[in-house]
Protein backbone atom coordinates (compact mmCIF):
# COMPACT_ATOMS: atom_id res chain seq x y z
CA UNK A 1 0.00 0.00 0.00
CA UNK A 2 1.11 3.57 -0.72
CA UNK A 3 0.70 6.26 1.94
CA UNK A 4 1.49 9.95 1.58
CA UNK A 5 2.27 11.72 4.85
CA UNK A 6 1.88 15.49 4.77
CA UNK A 7 2.54 18.43 7.04
CA UNK A 8 2.11 22.05 6.07
CA UNK A 9 0.82 25.55 6.54
CA UNK A 10 -2.93 25.16 6.81
CA UNK A 11 -2.53 27.94 9.39
CA UNK A 12 0.14 30.69 9.43
CA UNK A 13 1.84 29.16 12.48
CA UNK A 14 2.50 25.85 10.74
CA UNK A 15 6.13 25.60 9.66
CA UNK A 16 8.62 23.17 8.13
CA UNK A 17 6.14 21.68 5.61
CA UNK A 18 7.12 18.36 4.09
CA UNK A 19 5.86 15.23 2.37
CA UNK A 20 6.81 11.58 2.89
CA UNK A 21 5.93 8.40 1.02
CA UNK A 22 5.60 4.97 2.63
CA UNK A 23 5.40 2.02 0.25
CA UNK A 24 4.39 -1.23 1.98
CA UNK A 25 5.55 0.26 5.29
CA UNK A 26 8.93 1.53 4.07
CA UNK A 27 9.71 5.26 3.88
CA UNK A 28 11.03 5.67 0.35
CA UNK A 29 11.05 9.47 0.11
CA UNK A 30 10.89 12.48 2.40
CA UNK A 31 11.15 15.97 0.91
CA UNK A 32 10.98 19.35 2.65
CA UNK A 33 9.30 22.32 0.99
CA UNK A 34 11.93 24.83 2.12
CA UNK A 35 14.61 23.10 0.04
CA UNK A 36 12.65 23.70 -3.19
CA UNK A 37 10.98 27.03 -2.39
CA UNK A 38 14.24 28.37 -0.86
CA UNK A 39 12.46 29.99 2.11
CA UNK A 40 13.72 28.93 5.54
CA UNK A 41 11.05 27.08 7.57
CA UNK A 42 8.29 28.06 5.05
CA UNK A 43 5.78 29.40 7.59
CA UNK A 44 2.25 29.19 6.20
CA UNK A 45 3.21 27.23 3.07
CA UNK A 46 1.80 23.91 1.91
CA UNK A 47 4.14 21.18 0.59
CA UNK A 48 3.31 21.49 -3.12
CA UNK A 49 6.87 21.08 -4.41
CA UNK A 50 7.71 18.49 -1.77
CA UNK A 51 4.81 16.27 -2.86
CA UNK A 52 5.93 16.40 -6.49
CA UNK A 53 9.53 15.66 -5.49
CA UNK A 54 8.48 12.61 -3.44
CA UNK A 55 6.41 11.20 -6.31
CA UNK A 56 9.26 11.78 -8.76
CA UNK A 57 11.82 10.17 -6.48
CA UNK A 58 9.62 7.10 -5.98
CA UNK A 59 8.55 7.00 -9.64
CA UNK A 60 4.88 7.09 -8.65
CA UNK A 61 1.81 8.95 -9.88
CA UNK A 62 -0.67 10.90 -7.79
CA UNK A 63 -3.30 8.30 -8.71
CA UNK A 64 -1.19 5.55 -7.07
CA UNK A 65 -1.73 6.92 -3.55
CA UNK A 66 -4.04 4.84 -1.34
CA UNK A 67 -4.14 7.08 1.74
CA UNK A 68 -3.07 10.57 2.85
CA UNK A 69 -2.37 11.27 6.53
CA UNK A 70 -1.68 14.65 8.12
CA UNK A 71 -1.65 16.16 11.63
CA UNK A 72 -4.47 18.46 12.77
CA UNK A 73 -6.78 16.07 14.61
CA UNK A 74 -8.04 18.76 17.02
CA UNK A 75 -8.95 21.30 14.32
CA UNK A 76 -12.51 21.31 13.02
CA UNK A 77 -11.76 22.12 9.39
CA UNK A 78 -8.26 20.79 8.65
CA UNK A 79 -9.50 17.86 6.61
CA UNK A 80 -11.76 20.06 4.48
CA UNK A 81 -8.97 22.57 3.84
CA UNK A 82 -6.53 19.86 2.81
CA UNK A 83 -9.06 18.22 0.50
CA UNK A 84 -9.87 21.52 -1.21
CA UNK A 85 -6.18 22.29 -1.68
CA UNK A 86 -5.28 18.84 -3.02
CA UNK A 87 -8.22 18.73 -5.43
CA UNK A 88 -7.30 22.17 -6.73
CA UNK A 89 -3.60 21.31 -7.09
CA UNK A 90 -3.69 17.67 -8.22
CA UNK A 91 -7.23 17.24 -9.51
CA UNK A 92 -8.40 14.74 -6.91
CA UNK A 93 -7.99 13.75 -3.28
CA UNK A 94 -7.53 10.15 -2.12
CA UNK A 95 -8.82 9.00 1.24
CA UNK A 96 -7.52 11.44 3.87
CA UNK A 97 -7.19 10.95 7.63
CA UNK A 98 -5.96 13.16 10.48
CA UNK A 99 -3.74 12.15 13.40
CA UNK A 100 -2.62 14.03 16.49
CA UNK A 101 0.51 16.16 16.02
CA UNK A 102 2.26 14.59 19.02
CA UNK A 103 1.34 11.05 17.96
CA UNK A 104 2.96 11.72 14.59
CA UNK A 105 6.18 12.67 16.43
CA UNK A 106 5.97 9.45 18.46
CA UNK A 107 5.46 7.40 15.29
CA UNK A 108 8.50 9.00 13.64
CA UNK A 109 10.63 8.01 16.61
CA UNK A 110 9.31 4.54 17.42
CA UNK A 111 8.74 3.08 13.97
CA UNK A 112 11.92 4.69 12.64
CA UNK A 113 13.96 3.11 15.46
CA UNK A 114 13.25 -0.49 14.46
CA UNK A 115 12.89 -1.42 18.15
CA UNK A 116 10.38 -4.09 19.16
CA UNK A 117 9.34 -2.21 22.30
CA UNK A 118 10.11 1.20 23.76
CA UNK A 119 8.93 4.02 25.93
CA UNK A 120 8.27 7.05 23.76
CA UNK A 121 8.46 10.76 24.52
CA UNK A 122 7.40 13.72 22.39
CA UNK A 123 8.19 17.29 23.47
CA UNK A 124 7.89 20.50 21.46
CA UNK A 125 6.29 23.96 21.66
CA UNK A 126 2.76 22.99 20.70
CA UNK A 127 0.73 20.92 18.27
CA UNK A 128 -2.94 19.94 18.35
CA UNK A 129 -3.31 21.65 21.73
CA UNK A 130 -0.51 19.73 23.42
CA UNK A 131 3.22 20.18 23.94
CA UNK A 132 4.06 16.52 24.43
CA UNK A 133 3.06 12.94 25.07
CA UNK A 134 4.28 9.93 27.03
CA UNK A 135 3.67 6.54 25.38
CA UNK A 136 4.49 2.84 25.55
CA UNK A 137 4.90 1.23 22.12
CA UNK A 138 5.32 -2.28 20.79
CA UNK A 139 5.47 -3.58 17.23
CA UNK A 140 2.53 -5.88 17.91
CA UNK A 141 0.15 -3.48 19.69
CA UNK A 142 1.25 -0.12 18.31
CA UNK A 143 1.60 3.10 20.29
CA UNK A 144 -0.36 3.42 23.55
CA UNK A 145 -0.61 6.98 24.90
CA UNK A 146 0.07 7.17 28.64
CA UNK A 147 -0.15 10.93 29.16
CA UNK A 148 -0.78 14.08 27.13
CA UNK A 149 0.89 17.32 28.27
CA UNK A 150 -1.10 20.52 27.61
CA UNK A 151 0.43 23.47 25.77
CA UNK A 152 0.29 25.64 28.90
CA UNK A 153 3.14 23.53 30.33
CA UNK A 154 5.35 23.75 27.24
CA UNK A 155 9.12 23.24 27.61
CA UNK A 156 9.44 24.24 23.98
CA UNK A 157 7.74 27.56 24.68
CA UNK A 158 10.06 28.12 27.65
CA UNK A 159 13.20 27.64 25.53
CA UNK A 160 11.87 29.80 22.70
CA UNK A 161 10.93 32.56 25.13
CA UNK A 162 14.51 32.61 26.39
CA UNK A 163 15.80 32.53 22.81
CA UNK A 164 13.94 35.77 22.09
CA UNK A 165 15.10 37.36 25.35
CA UNK A 166 18.70 36.66 24.34
CA UNK A 167 18.23 38.57 21.08
CA UNK A 168 17.97 35.67 18.68
CA UNK A 169 15.23 35.07 16.13
CA UNK A 170 12.64 32.51 15.07
CA UNK A 171 14.16 29.03 15.07
CA UNK A 172 17.42 30.10 16.73
CA UNK A 173 17.16 27.84 19.77
CA UNK A 174 20.31 26.03 18.64
CA UNK A 175 22.23 29.28 19.15
CA UNK A 176 21.24 29.31 22.81
CA UNK A 177 22.47 25.71 23.06
CA UNK A 178 25.77 26.71 21.43
CA UNK A 179 26.21 29.77 23.67
CA UNK A 180 25.37 27.95 26.92
CA UNK A 181 28.79 26.27 27.53
CA UNK A 182 30.42 29.73 27.71
CA UNK A 183 28.34 30.65 30.78
CA UNK A 184 27.50 29.46 34.29
CA UNK A 185 24.09 28.25 35.55
CA UNK A 186 23.85 31.08 38.07
CA UNK A 187 20.53 32.66 37.00
CA UNK A 188 17.50 31.49 38.98
CA UNK A 189 14.71 30.69 36.52
CA UNK A 190 12.60 28.67 38.93
CA UNK A 191 9.84 31.31 38.93
CA UNK A 192 9.46 30.62 35.21
CA UNK A 193 10.08 26.86 34.97
CA UNK A 194 11.15 24.21 37.45
CA UNK A 195 11.29 20.43 37.67
CA UNK A 196 8.78 18.77 39.97
CA UNK A 197 7.94 15.16 40.71
CA UNK A 198 6.35 13.73 37.58
CA UNK A 199 7.73 16.38 35.20
CA UNK A 200 7.93 20.16 35.48
CA UNK A 201 5.89 23.33 35.95
CA UNK A 202 5.95 26.28 33.53
CA UNK A 203 4.38 29.64 34.42
CA UNK A 204 2.22 30.33 31.38
CA UNK A 205 1.65 33.94 32.46
CA UNK A 206 5.14 34.76 31.12
CA UNK A 207 3.81 34.12 27.60
CA UNK A 208 2.11 36.96 25.75
CA UNK A 209 -1.63 36.36 25.71
CA UNK A 210 -2.41 38.08 22.39
CA UNK A 211 0.16 36.42 20.15
CA UNK A 212 1.38 37.84 16.87
CA UNK A 213 0.88 35.87 13.68
CA UNK A 214 4.02 33.81 14.07
CA UNK A 215 5.06 33.85 17.71
CA UNK A 216 4.00 35.02 21.17
CA UNK A 217 7.59 35.54 22.29
CA UNK A 218 8.73 38.96 21.04
CA UNK A 219 10.72 40.28 24.02
CA UNK A 220 9.05 43.69 23.88
CA UNK A 221 5.97 41.94 25.25
CA UNK A 222 7.83 39.79 27.81
CA UNK A 223 7.75 42.37 30.62
CA UNK A 224 7.49 39.73 33.35
CA UNK A 225 10.66 38.07 32.11
CA UNK A 226 12.51 41.40 32.04
CA UNK A 227 11.36 42.07 35.60
CA UNK A 228 12.47 38.59 36.67
CA UNK A 229 15.96 38.91 35.21
CA UNK A 230 16.46 42.52 36.19
CA UNK A 231 17.50 43.97 32.85
CA UNK A 232 16.12 44.44 29.34
CA UNK A 233 16.38 41.82 26.68
CA UNK A 234 19.40 41.79 24.37
CA UNK A 235 18.54 43.30 21.02
CA UNK A 236 19.57 41.43 17.86
CA UNK A 237 23.09 42.34 16.87
CA UNK A 238 24.13 43.71 20.27
CA UNK A 239 27.26 42.45 22.00
CA UNK A 240 26.91 39.17 23.84
CA UNK A 241 27.96 39.75 27.44
CA UNK A 242 28.77 37.41 30.32
CA UNK A 243 25.24 37.95 31.65
CA UNK A 244 23.78 36.62 28.38
CA UNK A 245 26.13 33.63 28.50
CA UNK A 246 24.95 32.88 32.02
CA UNK A 247 21.30 33.20 30.99
CA UNK A 248 21.91 30.76 28.13
CA UNK A 249 23.63 28.28 30.44
CA UNK A 250 20.87 28.59 33.04
CA UNK A 251 18.24 28.09 30.34
CA UNK A 252 19.96 24.94 29.13
CA UNK A 253 20.38 23.65 32.68
CA UNK A 254 16.69 24.23 33.47
CA UNK A 255 15.60 22.43 30.30
CA UNK A 256 17.81 19.44 31.08
CA UNK A 257 16.61 19.14 34.65
CA UNK A 258 12.96 19.26 33.55
CA UNK A 259 13.61 16.71 30.80
CA UNK A 260 15.27 14.32 33.24
CA UNK A 261 12.33 14.68 35.62
CA UNK A 262 9.94 13.78 32.80
CA UNK A 263 12.07 10.80 31.77
CA UNK A 264 12.11 9.55 35.36
CA UNK A 265 8.31 9.74 35.46
CA UNK A 266 8.01 7.89 32.15
CA UNK A 267 10.33 5.16 33.42
CA UNK A 268 8.30 4.80 36.61
CA UNK A 269 5.15 4.15 34.62
CA UNK A 270 6.64 1.16 32.74
CA UNK A 271 9.90 0.35 34.57
CA UNK A 272 10.63 -2.93 32.79
CA UNK A 273 11.18 -1.24 29.38
CA UNK A 274 14.79 -0.14 28.86
CA UNK A 275 14.48 1.60 25.46
CA UNK A 276 13.55 5.25 24.90
CA UNK A 277 12.44 6.90 21.63
CA UNK A 278 12.42 10.71 21.74
CA UNK A 279 11.07 13.19 19.17
CA UNK A 280 9.61 16.69 18.88
CA UNK A 281 11.46 19.99 18.62
CA UNK A 282 12.99 19.63 22.10
CA UNK A 283 14.70 16.45 20.89
CA UNK A 284 16.88 18.62 18.62
CA UNK A 285 18.72 19.72 21.76
CA UNK A 286 21.63 17.32 21.43
CA UNK A 287 23.27 18.64 24.61
CA UNK A 288 20.20 17.63 26.61
CA UNK A 289 20.14 14.29 24.78
CA UNK A 290 23.67 13.68 26.07
CA UNK A 291 22.21 13.68 29.59
CA UNK A 292 19.83 10.92 28.48
CA UNK A 293 22.80 8.75 27.50
CA UNK A 294 23.91 8.90 31.15
CA UNK A 295 20.44 7.90 32.36
CA UNK A 296 20.28 4.83 34.57
CA UNK A 297 16.85 4.02 33.18
CA UNK A 298 17.64 3.17 29.54
CA UNK A 299 20.00 0.94 27.60
CA UNK A 300 19.10 2.48 24.22
CA UNK A 301 18.04 6.04 23.39
CA UNK A 302 16.89 6.75 19.83
CA UNK A 303 16.36 10.23 18.39
CA UNK A 304 15.38 10.29 14.68
CA UNK A 305 17.14 12.53 12.14
CA UNK A 306 13.80 14.31 11.60
CA UNK A 307 12.82 14.89 15.22
CA UNK A 308 11.20 18.32 14.74
CA UNK A 309 8.12 19.24 12.71
CA UNK A 310 10.18 18.47 9.59
CA UNK A 311 9.56 14.82 10.45
CA UNK A 312 5.80 14.97 11.03
CA UNK A 313 5.18 13.81 7.46
CA UNK A 314 7.31 10.72 8.16
CA UNK A 315 5.32 9.93 11.29
CA UNK A 316 2.07 10.41 9.39
CA UNK A 317 3.24 8.05 6.63
CA UNK A 318 4.14 5.44 9.25
CA UNK A 319 0.76 5.84 10.98
CA UNK A 320 -1.01 5.45 7.65
CA UNK A 321 0.96 2.31 6.86
CA UNK A 322 -0.14 0.78 10.17
CA UNK A 323 -3.75 1.77 9.45
CA UNK A 324 -3.62 -0.09 6.13
CA UNK A 325 -2.09 -3.19 7.71
CA UNK A 326 1.54 -2.75 6.62
CA UNK A 327 4.45 -3.44 8.98
CA UNK A 328 6.61 -0.32 9.37
CA UNK A 329 10.24 -0.64 8.31
CA UNK A 330 13.10 0.84 10.27
CA UNK A 331 14.46 4.14 8.94
CA UNK A 332 17.85 2.87 7.79
CA UNK A 333 19.31 6.25 6.90
CA UNK A 334 18.33 9.88 6.33
CA UNK A 335 19.10 10.08 2.60
CA UNK A 336 15.49 10.32 1.43
CA UNK A 337 15.39 13.50 -0.65
CA UNK A 338 15.94 14.22 -4.35
CA UNK A 339 18.81 12.94 -6.47
CA UNK A 340 20.36 14.64 -9.52
CA UNK A 341 22.16 12.82 -12.31
CA UNK A 342 25.56 13.65 -13.79
CA UNK A 343 23.73 14.72 -16.91
CA UNK A 344 21.58 17.29 -15.12
CA UNK A 345 24.62 18.62 -13.22
CA UNK A 346 26.68 18.94 -16.42
CA UNK A 347 23.80 20.79 -18.09
CA UNK A 348 23.62 23.26 -15.18
CA UNK A 349 27.37 23.83 -15.20
CA UNK A 350 27.43 24.49 -18.94
CA UNK A 351 24.37 26.73 -18.86
CA UNK A 352 26.07 28.94 -16.27
CA UNK A 353 29.43 29.07 -18.01
CA UNK A 354 31.26 27.43 -15.12
CA UNK A 355 34.77 26.08 -15.39
CA UNK A 356 34.76 22.46 -14.27
CA UNK A 357 36.61 19.18 -14.55
CA UNK A 358 34.95 15.77 -14.71
CA UNK A 359 36.83 13.17 -12.65
CA UNK A 360 36.54 9.40 -12.38
CA UNK A 361 36.95 9.42 -8.60
CA UNK A 362 35.41 12.36 -6.69
CA UNK A 363 36.48 10.75 -3.41
CA UNK A 364 40.16 10.95 -4.38
CA UNK A 365 39.76 14.57 -5.49
CA UNK A 366 37.92 15.52 -2.31
CA UNK A 367 40.35 13.80 0.05
CA UNK A 368 43.31 15.60 -1.56
CA UNK A 369 41.62 18.98 -1.21
CA UNK A 370 40.81 18.31 2.45
CA UNK A 371 44.38 17.15 3.13
CA UNK A 372 45.57 20.43 1.56
CA UNK A 373 43.31 22.24 4.11
CA UNK A 374 40.87 23.49 1.48
CA UNK A 375 37.22 24.11 2.36
CA UNK A 376 34.89 22.34 -0.07
CA UNK A 377 31.25 22.02 -0.93
CA UNK A 378 30.35 18.32 -1.10
CA UNK A 379 27.24 17.42 -3.12
CA UNK A 380 26.50 13.72 -3.67
CA UNK A 381 23.50 11.39 -4.03
CA UNK A 382 20.13 12.03 -2.41
CA UNK A 383 19.66 15.00 -0.11
CA UNK A 384 19.30 14.38 3.61
CA UNK A 385 16.10 14.64 5.61
CA UNK A 386 16.17 16.89 8.64
CA UNK A 387 17.95 20.01 9.76
CA UNK A 388 21.48 18.61 9.64
CA UNK A 389 23.65 17.82 6.66
CA UNK A 390 25.03 14.30 6.92
CA UNK A 391 27.55 14.15 4.11
CA UNK A 392 25.50 14.59 0.95
CA UNK A 393 24.83 18.36 1.08
CA UNK A 394 27.74 19.42 3.26
CA UNK A 395 30.56 21.93 3.61
CA UNK A 396 33.68 20.02 4.65
CA UNK A 397 37.16 20.83 5.86
CA UNK A 398 39.99 19.56 7.99
CA UNK A 399 39.32 19.93 11.71
CA UNK A 400 42.93 20.13 12.86
CA UNK A 401 42.94 23.73 14.15
CA UNK A 402 40.64 26.40 15.52
CA UNK A 403 41.95 28.64 12.75
CA UNK A 404 40.09 26.70 10.07
CA UNK A 405 36.95 26.70 12.26
CA UNK A 406 37.09 30.50 12.49
CA UNK A 407 37.71 30.67 8.74
CA UNK A 408 34.60 28.62 7.97
CA UNK A 409 32.53 30.80 10.32
CA UNK A 410 33.79 34.11 8.96
CA UNK A 411 34.39 33.45 5.27
CA UNK A 412 31.65 30.96 4.45
CA UNK A 413 28.89 30.60 7.04
CA UNK A 414 28.85 34.29 8.13
CA UNK A 415 27.63 33.33 11.58
CA UNK A 416 28.34 33.89 15.29
CA UNK A 417 31.83 32.92 16.43
CA UNK A 418 30.56 30.99 19.46
CA UNK A 419 28.71 28.38 17.41
CA UNK A 420 30.42 24.97 17.15
CA UNK A 421 30.87 22.70 14.14
CA UNK A 422 30.23 18.98 14.02
CA UNK A 423 32.68 16.14 13.34
CA UNK A 424 32.04 13.30 10.94
CA UNK A 425 34.06 10.23 11.95
CA UNK A 426 34.47 6.68 10.70
CA UNK A 427 32.16 4.58 12.84
CA UNK A 428 34.82 1.98 13.62
CA UNK A 429 37.12 4.73 14.98
CA UNK A 430 34.66 6.61 17.20
CA UNK A 431 35.68 5.05 20.52
CA UNK A 432 39.26 6.20 20.01
CA UNK A 433 38.23 9.84 19.77
CA UNK A 434 35.01 10.19 21.80
CA UNK A 435 33.46 8.72 24.94
CA UNK A 436 30.55 6.70 23.62
CA UNK A 437 28.97 5.21 26.78
CA UNK A 438 29.12 1.72 25.29
CA UNK A 439 27.41 2.69 22.03
CA UNK A 440 29.03 2.89 18.59
CA UNK A 441 26.39 4.38 16.30
CA UNK A 442 25.57 8.09 16.33
CA UNK A 443 24.61 8.61 12.66
CA UNK A 444 22.35 11.69 12.87
CA UNK A 445 24.16 14.33 14.98
CA UNK A 446 21.46 14.01 17.64
CA UNK A 447 23.81 13.65 20.64
CA UNK A 448 26.88 15.45 21.91
CA UNK A 449 29.73 13.30 23.19
CA UNK A 450 32.80 14.10 25.27
CA UNK A 451 36.03 14.16 23.28
CA UNK A 452 38.83 11.93 24.59
CA UNK A 453 41.09 14.41 26.37
CA UNK A 454 44.42 13.55 24.76
CA UNK A 455 42.86 13.54 21.26
CA UNK A 456 40.91 16.81 21.50
CA UNK A 457 43.76 19.05 20.35
CA UNK A 458 44.10 17.08 17.11
CA UNK A 459 40.49 17.86 16.15
CA UNK A 460 40.27 21.31 17.74
CA UNK A 461 37.90 22.75 15.13
CA UNK A 462 35.05 20.42 16.15
CA UNK A 463 35.48 20.30 19.94
CA UNK A 464 33.37 22.90 21.72
CA UNK A 465 34.54 24.98 24.68
CA UNK A 466 33.06 22.41 27.11
CA UNK A 467 34.99 19.52 25.51
CA UNK A 468 31.99 18.04 23.67
CA UNK A 469 31.11 17.56 20.01
CA UNK A 470 27.91 16.81 18.09
CA UNK A 471 29.16 13.59 16.53
CA UNK A 472 28.14 11.90 13.29
CA UNK A 473 29.43 8.36 12.86
CA UNK A 474 29.72 7.27 9.23
CA UNK A 475 29.53 3.64 8.05
CA UNK A 476 30.05 2.18 4.60
CA UNK A 477 26.64 0.50 4.74
CA UNK A 478 24.70 3.78 4.98
CA UNK A 479 26.90 6.17 2.94
CA UNK A 480 29.70 4.42 1.11
CA UNK A 481 30.93 7.50 -0.79
CA UNK A 482 31.19 9.68 2.31
CA UNK A 483 32.79 6.84 4.27
CA UNK A 484 35.45 6.39 1.58
CA UNK A 485 36.12 10.14 1.51
CA UNK A 486 36.87 10.22 5.25
CA UNK A 487 38.85 6.99 4.98
CA UNK A 488 41.07 8.34 2.19
CA UNK A 489 41.53 11.62 4.05
CA UNK A 490 42.56 9.62 7.14
CA UNK A 491 45.26 7.80 5.14
CA UNK A 492 46.78 11.16 4.21
CA UNK A 493 46.33 12.98 7.51
CA UNK A 494 46.26 10.26 10.16
CA UNK A 495 42.94 11.59 11.46
CA UNK A 496 39.63 9.81 10.61
CA UNK A 497 37.61 12.93 11.44
CA UNK A 498 36.52 15.90 9.32
CA UNK A 499 34.53 19.06 9.98
CA UNK A 500 31.01 18.84 8.53
CA UNK A 501 28.51 21.70 8.41
CA UNK A 502 25.42 22.17 6.30
CA UNK A 503 25.83 23.42 2.73
CA UNK A 504 24.08 26.76 3.11
CA UNK A 505 24.70 30.33 4.16
CA UNK A 506 23.30 31.91 7.30
CA UNK A 507 19.50 32.17 7.14
CA UNK A 508 19.14 29.98 4.05
CA UNK A 509 17.91 26.39 3.68
CA UNK A 510 20.40 23.66 2.86
CA UNK A 511 21.06 23.53 -0.89
CA UNK A 512 18.85 21.18 -2.88
CA UNK A 513 19.49 21.45 -6.62
CA UNK A 514 22.77 21.81 -8.52
CA UNK A 515 21.83 25.44 -9.19
CA UNK A 516 21.43 26.06 -5.43
CA UNK A 517 24.87 24.57 -4.88
CA UNK A 518 26.44 26.80 -7.53
CA UNK A 519 24.78 29.95 -6.20
CA UNK A 520 26.03 29.21 -2.69
CA UNK A 521 29.50 28.26 -3.92
CA UNK A 522 29.95 31.52 -5.84
CA UNK A 523 28.39 33.53 -2.99
CA UNK A 524 30.93 32.63 -0.31
CA UNK A 525 34.58 31.73 0.27
CA UNK A 526 34.53 28.03 -0.58
CA UNK A 527 37.68 26.84 -2.33
CA UNK A 528 36.06 24.11 -4.43
CA UNK A 529 32.78 22.37 -5.12
CA UNK A 530 32.46 18.67 -5.91
CA UNK A 531 29.07 17.67 -7.36
CA UNK A 532 28.93 13.97 -8.17
CA UNK A 533 31.87 13.58 -10.59
CA UNK A 534 32.41 17.28 -11.29
CA UNK A 535 34.98 19.50 -9.58
CA UNK A 536 34.37 23.25 -9.80
CA UNK A 537 36.90 25.88 -8.76
CA UNK A 538 36.89 29.66 -8.96
C-alpha cells in the first residue's frame, strides 16, 4: 500500500512543511518544501513542491496513492482545507485521515527506530493543543498513549521565550544551546520553569496572551521576564555579554533538569522497558540528549534525524501504513530527498558558463583537497532529511585547528563565532576519539559526546569549549561514498575525522538542486565544489 504523509501551513503558524511516502511500510522518500521554495522554515506554506519531489523520487503517480495522513486532529476544518487544496492542485484527493501532532512525532521516533518495544516521549512547543506525550509502544500493539501534556506547560515555549530574550530570532534555539557552555548556571529561573515530581511546571503567564501571527515571544511583550531577570532583553546584533552567557547556560540547565524529571516519570510508569524513543522539537537539543545517555533508566536512546516538525510527514506516513495493515520498516538512513544525475549537473554547469573538470573518482579529489586544508562544498547522491547535513549536502574541511573553524565561520557561514561545528568520523574509529557510553552508532548528529582528552587538540575545530562535540558516525553500509572520503583523508592525515557543516549560508535552507549549490559556492569563500563527478573551482 502507498501512503502519503503530509505536514504544512494550513494555518500561518505551521512551519517546516514536508511530504513523505511509505510504500508497503517503508519510507522511500521524504522531501521538505523549504529546500525547493528556498524559504527557511516556510511558515504558512503547503508542501506542493515536496509532494511532487516525493512522487518523482519514488517514480509514482498521484493516482497511485491509497491514503493521505496529516496532523491536525483537534482542528474542526483541517481535513476540508486539505481536501480543497489537493483537489485544486492535483485534480483529486484520495482517502484522507488526520492524526494528532504529538502522535505523529511518536510514530517517527518509534517506527523509525526499528525497536520491538520502547517508551516514547514527544516534546515540542505545541501541536494539536498539546506540547508533548508519554507513550508505551510495541510492534505488535502499536503506540499506547500514557499521558498528554497541555500546551500551557510547554518546555518548547520556555526555551523559545529565552531565545527571544537573548536577542535571537525565530528558530534560533540552537544558538542558545551553542552559547550555553560559555556561561555558568547562576541565573535562577525557577519562577518561570522548574522540575517537579512527575515532570515540570511552567508559568504560562510569562507568555504573551495576544500572540502575533508567528510567535507570542517577542521580548518587547515579555515584561514579566525582564522584571524577573532585572535587565532588558538583548537586542539582535548587540554584544553578547557574560550575563547573556549565564542566561543561556541557566536556560539549558533548566531544560535538562525538567527533561530528566519527565524521563524519570516515564520510566516509573513502565519500569521494565529499557528503550527510549524521543522526538519533537525539544529532541533537537543534542546537549540535553547527552544527559539521556547517562540515564540509569535506559540501555538504548533513539532520536530520529527528523525529530522536529520536519519529520511529522514521516510519522504520518508510518501511521497510515499501520492503518492499512503494513508493517513499518526501520528508517535505515536519512538520505530520502531528491537525487540529480551527472547529466543534469553537467547541463547546469554548462548553462552557467562554469569552469569544471569531470573526474573518475570524486572521493580521491575531495580527500586531496581536504588534506591540503581546502574548504569544499560536497554534493552527492540524495539530499538528507532533517535540519542537519550528513555528508550529501555538506561543507567540509579539515578539523585540525581552531583557525580553520574560524575561517569557515567568517568566510563561508557568516555566523556567530561561538557556534560549534560537528565532526564526521568513521564509525569503527569513534571510541578512540570520543566517549561513547558503550554505544558505537551516532549517525544523525542528535547527541553530543565528550572528546577523549588527549585527542581533542588534534580535532580542535570540532570540539566545543566544554569539551563536547555533536558527533556523526559514518559507516560504509549507509553512505559508502562519504565513508570512503573520510577513509582516504585519514590515510593522508592520520585523522579519521573531518569538519562537517550544512551546505548553506546563514539564514538559508540547505542547498537542494545543482543550481542552489552553484549559487552558494559563488556567494561565499569556498575553495572548491564537488558535485557527483564534477569539480568546480573559482
